[in-house]
Amino acid sequence: MTETGDDARETDAPTDSASPDAATDPEEADRRRLLKWVAILAFAVPVVVEVFTFGTMILEWLGLVSVDGEGGRDGTAQTATVTPAAGSDAVGVGSELLPETAPVETVDRSVVRGTDDRTYLLRVTVANETDEPVAVELGRLVLYDETTVASRSSTGTIAPGESGAVTGAWRLPTDAMPERVAVVERIGGETVVDRDVSLARPPIEG
């Protein structure tokens, strides 16, 4: 039996062609590339955060940085501020200024007044327990950056068995702090001490 023309055409008609291979589709390739970078970033970001956190902990442990409380307002480590420290022989309020001498020179006051316009005040009371006249003089002030501030004040002559006092005042640059002061002591007119005395860090009064 012979097929009809319609049946032949129906049988011989070509089937629909397949869609383009996804691997050769430019849009599909771009989408896969984007997904690849998203996956890389999703892995890399937590690793970077952990490395940064661990590094900050190590630096803080070594004392190279400090973190205020749980961190700065933005959570970042803050650089440590180095504060100069006075030596173990530094004198403060209640200390004897010159313990090696017979007169008793007691520091009554040691304070920095003001924040921007600063003045350092040092008051020393001297009890002359010798048989000769005594005088104590405060001279130039040396700051932590080794700059000096000139000034000169004296108790005047203190008779045996009497007491006197001397108050030194020095104008300081902004943020400066005193480290040591030049002291001269005379007993019976003879200089027995002429040296710098280290100062304990004084409080700041606004």
C-alpha atoms as a PDB file:
ATOM      1  CA  MET A   1       0.000   0.000   0.000  1.00  0.00           C
ATOM      2  CA  THR A   2       1.348   3.398  -0.960  1.00  0.00           C
ATOM      3  CA  GLU A   3       1.539   6.212   1.622  1.00  0.00           C
ATOM      4  CA  THR A   4      -0.341   9.345   0.821  1.00  0.00           C
ATOM      5  CA  GLY A   5       1.478  12.582   0.233  1.00  0.00           C
ATOM      6  CA  ASP A   6       0.337  14.044   3.534  1.00  0.00           C
ATOM      7  CA  ASP A   7       1.613  11.035   5.414  1.00  0.00           C
ATOM      8  CA  ALA A   8       4.961  11.255   3.641  1.00  0.00           C
ATOM      9  CA  ARG A   9       5.324  14.904   4.463  1.00  0.00           C
ATOM     10  CA  GLU A  10       4.399  14.251   8.038  1.00  0.00           C
ATOM     11  CA  THR A  11       6.921  11.449   8.316  1.00  0.00           C
ATOM     12  CA  ASP A  12       9.723  13.283   6.561  1.00  0.00           C
ATOM     13  CA  ALA A  13       9.210  16.605   8.385  1.00  0.00           C
ATOM     14  CA  PRO A  14      12.309  17.560  10.433  1.00  0.00           C
ATOM     15  CA  THR A  15      11.985  17.630  14.210  1.00  0.00           C
ATOM     16  CA  ASP A  16      12.530  20.859  16.181  1.00  0.00           C
ATOM     17  CA  SER A  17      16.217  21.667  16.576  1.00  0.00           C
ATOM     18  CA  ALA A  18      17.692  21.378  20.151  1.00  0.00           C
ATOM     19  CA  SER A  19      18.294  24.569  22.266  1.00  0.00           C
ATOM     20  CA  PRO A  20      21.858  25.944  22.211  1.00  0.00           C
ATOM     21  CA  ASP A  21      24.289  24.226  24.553  1.00  0.00           C
ATOM     22  CA  ALA A  22      24.277  26.010  27.921  1.00  0.00           C
ATOM     23  CA  ALA A  23      28.073  25.884  27.958  1.00  0.00           C
ATOM     24  CA  THR A  24      28.231  27.965  24.802  1.00  0.00           C
ATOM     25  CA  ASP A  25      25.562  30.485  25.873  1.00  0.00           C
ATOM     26  CA  PRO A  26      27.309  33.784  26.853  1.00  0.00           C
ATOM     27  CA  GLU A  27      24.632  34.687  29.401  1.00  0.00           C
ATOM     28  CA  GLU A  28      24.879  31.278  31.043  1.00  0.00           C
ATOM     29  CA  ALA A  29      28.680  31.591  31.197  1.00  0.00           C
ATOM     30  CA  ASP A  30      28.428  35.016  32.871  1.00  0.00           C
ATOM     31  CA  ARG A  31      25.939  33.658  35.388  1.00  0.00           C
ATOM     32  CA  ARG A  32      28.221  30.779  36.303  1.00  0.00           C
ATOM     33  CA  ARG A  33      31.185  33.134  36.643  1.00  0.00           C
ATOM     34  CA  LEU A  34      29.170  35.385  38.974  1.00  0.00           C
ATOM     35  CA  LEU A  35      28.136  32.430  41.122  1.00  0.00           C
ATOM     36  CA  LYS A  36      31.765  31.357  41.304  1.00  0.00           C
ATOM     37  CA  TRP A  37      32.879  34.773  42.667  1.00  0.00           C
ATOM     38  CA  VAL A  38      29.986  34.866  45.138  1.00  0.00           C
ATOM     39  CA  ALA A  39      31.073  31.471  46.462  1.00  0.00           C
ATOM     40  CA  ILE A  40      34.696  32.655  46.780  1.00  0.00           C
ATOM     41  CA  LEU A  41      33.691  35.810  48.667  1.00  0.00           C
ATOM     42  CA  ALA A  42      31.379  33.846  50.962  1.00  0.00           C
ATOM     43  CA  PHE A  43      34.367  31.738  51.958  1.00  0.00           C
ATOM     44  CA  ALA A  44      37.015  34.481  52.064  1.00  0.00           C
ATOM     45  CA  VAL A  45      35.206  37.154  54.123  1.00  0.00           C
ATOM     46  CA  PRO A  46      34.848  35.065  57.335  1.00  0.00           C
ATOM     47  CA  VAL A  47      38.471  33.963  57.013  1.00  0.00           C
ATOM     48  CA  VAL A  48      39.686  37.576  56.736  1.00  0.00           C
ATOM     49  CA  VAL A  49      37.569  38.616  59.740  1.00  0.00           C
ATOM     50  CA  GLU A  50      38.965  35.767  61.851  1.00  0.00           C
ATOM     51  CA  VAL A  51      42.550  36.599  60.860  1.00  0.00           C
ATOM     52  CA  PHE A  52      42.018  40.295  61.714  1.00  0.00           C
ATOM     53  CA  THR A  53      40.431  39.456  65.082  1.00  0.00           C
ATOM     54  CA  PHE A  54      43.196  37.024  65.997  1.00  0.00           C
ATOM     55  CA  GLY A  55      45.872  39.507  64.904  1.00  0.00           C
ATOM     56  CA  THR A  56      44.298  42.256  67.034  1.00  0.00           C
ATOM     57  CA  MET A  57      44.254  39.961  70.069  1.00  0.00           C
ATOM     58  CA  ILE A  58      47.940  39.182  69.589  1.00  0.00           C
ATOM     59  CA  LEU A  59      48.856  42.879  69.229  1.00  0.00           C
ATOM     60  CA  GLU A  60      46.842  43.780  72.324  1.00  0.00           C
ATOM     61  CA  TRP A  61      48.515  40.963  74.297  1.00  0.00           C
ATOM     62  CA  LEU A  62      51.916  42.312  73.234  1.00  0.00           C
ATOM     63  CA  GLY A  63      50.863  45.796  74.375  1.00  0.00           C
ATOM     64  CA  LEU A  64      51.152  47.310  70.890  1.00  0.00           C
ATOM     65  CA  VAL A  65      47.509  48.355  70.794  1.00  0.00           C
ATOM     66  CA  SER A  66      44.772  48.827  73.349  1.00  0.00           C
ATOM     67  CA  VAL A  67      41.045  48.426  73.005  1.00  0.00           C
ATOM     68  CA  ASP A  68      38.747  50.630  75.096  1.00  0.00           C
ATOM     69  CA  GLY A  69      36.221  48.361  76.796  1.00  0.00           C
ATOM     70  CA  GLU A  70      34.893  46.142  74.025  1.00  0.00           C
ATOM     71  CA  GLY A  71      36.552  48.282  71.373  1.00  0.00           C
ATOM     72  CA  GLY A  72      36.144  51.713  69.896  1.00  0.00           C
ATOM     73  CA  ARG A  73      32.754  52.906  68.752  1.00  0.00           C
ATOM     74  CA  ASP A  74      33.400  51.279  65.405  1.00  0.00           C
ATOM     75  CA  GLY A  75      34.804  48.130  67.035  1.00  0.00           C
ATOM     76  CA  THR A  76      38.340  48.772  65.829  1.00  0.00           C
ATOM     77  CA  ALA A  77      41.496  48.581  67.923  1.00  0.00           C
ATOM     78  CA  GLN A  78      42.830  51.885  69.182  1.00  0.00           C
ATOM     79  CA  THR A  79      46.530  52.679  69.203  1.00  0.00           C
ATOM     80  CA  ALA A  80      47.923  52.652  72.707  1.00  0.00           C
ATOM     81  CA  THR A  81      48.960  55.942  74.197  1.00  0.00           C
ATOM     82  CA  VAL A  82      52.307  55.805  75.915  1.00  0.00           C
ATOM     83  CA  THR A  83      52.351  57.677  79.214  1.00  0.00           C
ATOM     84  CA  PRO A  84      55.765  58.700  80.553  1.00  0.00           C
ATOM     85  CA  ALA A  85      56.440  57.179  83.955  1.00  0.00           C
ATOM     86  CA  ALA A  86      58.375  58.743  86.810  1.00  0.00           C
ATOM     87  CA  GLY A  87      61.339  56.899  88.301  1.00  0.00           C
ATOM     88  CA  SER A  88      61.258  55.015  91.580  1.00  0.00           C
ATOM     89  CA  ASP A  89      63.102  57.894  93.271  1.00  0.00           C
ATOM     90  CA  ALA A  90      60.515  60.493  92.208  1.00  0.00           C
ATOM     91  CA  VAL A  91      59.033  62.661  94.967  1.00  0.00           C
ATOM     92  CA  GLY A  92      55.389  63.622  95.384  1.00  0.00           C
ATOM     93  CA  VAL A  93      53.149  65.114  98.033  1.00  0.00           C
ATOM     94  CA  GLY A  94      54.262  63.918 101.464  1.00  0.00           C
ATOM     95  CA  SER A  95      57.740  62.938 100.262  1.00  0.00           C
ATOM     96  CA  GLU A  96      60.976  64.492 101.478  1.00  0.00           C
ATOM     97  CA  LEU A  97      62.602  66.516  98.724  1.00  0.00           C
ATOM     98  CA  LEU A  98      66.205  65.973  99.899  1.00  0.00           C
ATOM     99  CA  PRO A  99      66.295  62.975 102.246  1.00  0.00           C
ATOM    100  CA  GLU A 100      70.089  63.014 102.347  1.00  0.00           C
ATOM    101  CA  THR A 101      70.283  66.327 104.232  1.00  0.00           C
ATOM    102  CA  ALA A 102      69.597  67.236 107.894  1.00  0.00           C
ATOM    103  CA  PRO A 103      66.802  69.780 107.260  1.00  0.00           C
ATOM    104  CA  VAL A 104      63.399  68.214 106.545  1.00  0.00           C
ATOM    105  CA  GLU A 105      62.047  69.426 103.191  1.00  0.00           C
ATOM    106  CA  THR A 106      58.494  68.104 102.756  1.00  0.00           C
ATOM    107  CA  VAL A 107      56.564  68.410  99.494  1.00  0.00           C
ATOM    108  CA  ASP A 108      53.210  69.942 100.471  1.00  0.00           C
ATOM    109  CA  ARG A 109      51.807  70.470  97.017  1.00  0.00           C
ATOM    110  CA  SER A 110      52.574  69.244  93.502  1.00  0.00           C
ATOM    111  CA  VAL A 111      49.907  69.921  90.898  1.00  0.00           C
ATOM    112  CA  VAL A 112      49.378  71.027  87.311  1.00  0.00           C
ATOM    113  CA  ARG A 113      46.623  73.613  87.046  1.00  0.00           C
ATOM    114  CA  GLY A 114      44.689  74.132  83.833  1.00  0.00           C
ATOM    115  CA  THR A 115      44.297  71.988  80.724  1.00  0.00           C
ATOM    116  CA  ASP A 116      45.355  74.184  77.789  1.00  0.00           C
ATOM    117  CA  ASP A 117      47.067  77.025  79.661  1.00  0.00           C
ATOM    118  CA  ARG A 118      49.011  74.988  82.214  1.00  0.00           C
ATOM    119  CA  THR A 119      50.961  75.983  85.304  1.00  0.00           C
ATOM    120  CA  TYR A 120      52.920  73.612  87.510  1.00  0.00           C
ATOM    121  CA  LEU A 121      52.964  74.462  91.213  1.00  0.00           C
ATOM    122  CA  LEU A 122      55.416  72.931  93.683  1.00  0.00           C
ATOM    123  CA  ARG A 123      55.332  73.913  97.362  1.00  0.00           C
ATOM    124  CA  VAL A 124      57.935  72.669  99.821  1.00  0.00           C
ATOM    125  CA  THR A 125      57.985  73.263 103.572  1.00  0.00           C
ATOM    126  CA  VAL A 126      61.444  73.255 105.197  1.00  0.00           C
ATOM    127  CA  ALA A 127      61.996  72.553 108.905  1.00  0.00           C
ATOM    128  CA  ASN A 128      65.499  73.626 109.918  1.00  0.00           C
ATOM    129  CA  GLU A 129      66.584  71.135 112.532  1.00  0.00           C
ATOM    130  CA  THR A 130      70.264  72.188 112.342  1.00  0.00           C
ATOM    131  CA  ASP A 131      72.237  74.734 114.300  1.00  0.00           C
ATOM    132  CA  GLU A 132      72.894  76.870 111.219  1.00  0.00           C
ATOM    133  CA  PRO A 133      70.749  78.934 108.848  1.00  0.00           C
ATOM    134  CA  VAL A 134      69.260  77.046 105.914  1.00  0.00           C
ATOM    135  CA  ALA A 135      67.960  78.139 102.520  1.00  0.00           C
ATOM    136  CA  VAL A 136      66.319  76.037  99.788  1.00  0.00           C
ATOM    137  CA  GLU A 137      65.971  77.246  96.215  1.00  0.00           C
ATOM    138  CA  LEU A 138      63.880  75.814  93.344  1.00  0.00           C
ATOM    139  CA  GLY A 139      65.208  76.464  89.847  1.00  0.00           C
ATOM    140  CA  ARG A 140      64.485  75.434  86.274  1.00  0.00           C
ATOM    141  CA  LEU A 141      61.979  72.699  85.465  1.00  0.00           C
ATOM    142  CA  VAL A 142      62.767  69.892  83.012  1.00  0.00           C
ATOM    143  CA  LEU A 143      59.864  68.394  81.031  1.00  0.00           C
ATOM    144  CA  TYR A 144      59.517  64.864  79.674  1.00  0.00           C
ATOM    145  CA  ASP A 145      60.637  66.000  76.228  1.00  0.00           C
ATOM    146  CA  GLU A 146      63.818  67.418  77.859  1.00  0.00           C
ATOM    147  CA  THR A 147      62.831  71.036  77.253  1.00  0.00           C
ATOM    148  CA  THR A 148      63.304  73.366  80.216  1.00  0.00           C
ATOM    149  CA  VAL A 149      61.191  76.086  81.804  1.00  0.00           C
ATOM    150  CA  ALA A 150      63.039  78.803  83.721  1.00  0.00           C
ATOM    151  CA  SER A 151      61.961  79.993  87.159  1.00  0.00           C
ATOM    152  CA  ARG A 152      63.587  80.720  90.497  1.00  0.00           C
ATOM    153  CA  SER A 153      62.146  80.876  94.015  1.00  0.00           C
ATOM    154  CA  SER A 154      63.610  80.507  97.495  1.00  0.00           C
ATOM    155  CA  THR A 155      62.673  80.043 101.112  1.00  0.00           C
ATOM    156  CA  GLY A 156      65.019  82.811 102.080  1.00  0.00           C
ATOM    157  CA  THR A 157      67.127  82.233 105.182  1.00  0.00           C
ATOM    158  CA  ILE A 158      65.534  79.964 107.779  1.00  0.00           C
ATOM    159  CA  ALA A 159      67.002  80.292 111.276  1.00  0.00           C
ATOM    160  CA  PRO A 160      67.870  77.194 113.341  1.00  0.00           C
ATOM    161  CA  GLY A 161      64.752  75.621 114.844  1.00  0.00           C
ATOM    162  CA  GLU A 162      62.466  77.574 112.521  1.00  0.00           C
ATOM    163  CA  SER A 163      60.445  76.577 109.463  1.00  0.00           C
ATOM    164  CA  GLY A 164      59.920  78.182 106.095  1.00  0.00           C
ATOM    165  CA  ALA A 165      58.384  77.393 102.722  1.00  0.00           C
ATOM    166  CA  VAL A 166      59.033  77.913  99.042  1.00  0.00           C
ATOM    167  CA  THR A 167      56.533  77.753  96.185  1.00  0.00           C
ATOM    168  CA  GLY A 168      57.704  77.378  92.603  1.00  0.00           C
ATOM    169  CA  ALA A 169      55.479  78.122  89.609  1.00  0.00           C
ATOM    170  CA  TRP A 170      56.285  77.265  85.974  1.00  0.00           C
ATOM    171  CA  ARG A 171      54.206  77.897  82.845  1.00  0.00           C
ATOM    172  CA  LEU A 172      53.936  74.701  80.792  1.00  0.00           C
ATOM    173  CA  PRO A 173      53.274  74.123  77.098  1.00  0.00           C
ATOM    174  CA  THR A 174      50.011  72.365  76.242  1.00  0.00           C
ATOM    175  CA  ASP A 175      50.040  68.669  77.245  1.00  0.00           C
ATOM    176  CA  ALA A 176      53.511  69.004  78.828  1.00  0.00           C
ATOM    177  CA  MET A 177      54.305  67.448  82.208  1.00  0.00           C
ATOM    178  CA  PRO A 178      57.195  68.098  84.621  1.00  0.00           C
ATOM    179  CA  GLU A 179      59.833  65.400  85.049  1.00  0.00           C
ATOM    180  CA  ARG A 180      62.401  66.964  87.401  1.00  0.00           C
ATOM    181  CA  VAL A 181      63.296  70.225  89.099  1.00  0.00           C
ATOM    182  CA  ALA A 182      66.634  71.824  89.947  1.00  0.00           C
ATOM    183  CA  VAL A 183      67.127  72.178  93.715  1.00  0.00           C
ATOM    184  CA  VAL A 184      69.846  74.029  95.628  1.00  0.00           C
ATOM    185  CA  GLU A 185      70.206  73.840  99.402  1.00  0.00           C
ATOM    186  CA  ARG A 186      72.589  75.900 101.492  1.00  0.00           C
ATOM    187  CA  ILE A 187      73.448  75.300 105.129  1.00  0.00           C
ATOM    188  CA  GLY A 188      75.428  77.961 106.925  1.00  0.00           C
ATOM    189  CA  GLY A 189      75.963  79.716 103.607  1.00  0.00           C
ATOM    190  CA  GLU A 190      77.599  76.647 102.047  1.00  0.00           C
ATOM    191  CA  THR A 191      75.980  74.809  99.146  1.00  0.00           C
ATOM    192  CA  VAL A 192      75.383  71.202 100.192  1.00  0.00           C
ATOM    193  CA  VAL A 193      73.018  70.177  97.376  1.00  0.00           C
ATOM    194  CA  ASP A 194      72.834  71.323  93.772  1.00  0.00           C
ATOM    195  CA  ARG A 195      71.045  68.715  91.637  1.00  0.00           C
ATOM    196  CA  ASP A 196      67.886  67.756  89.789  1.00  0.00           C
ATOM    197  CA  VAL A 197      65.149  65.985  91.747  1.00  0.00           C
ATOM    198  CA  SER A 198      62.758  63.632  89.942  1.00  0.00           C
ATOM    199  CA  LEU A 199      59.081  64.432  90.349  1.00  0.00           C
ATOM    200  CA  ALA A 200      56.191  62.005  90.609  1.00  0.00           C
ATOM    201  CA  ARG A 201      53.539  62.708  87.990  1.00  0.00           C
ATOM    202  CA  PRO A 202      51.329  65.404  89.508  1.00  0.00           C
ATOM    203  CA  PRO A 203      47.538  65.444  89.226  1.00  0.00           C
ATOM    204  CA  ILE A 204      45.873  67.907  86.851  1.00  0.00           C
ATOM    205  CA  GLU A 205      43.337  70.360  88.232  1.00  0.00           C
ATOM    206  CA  GLY A 206      41.048  71.897  85.628  1.00  0.00           C
END
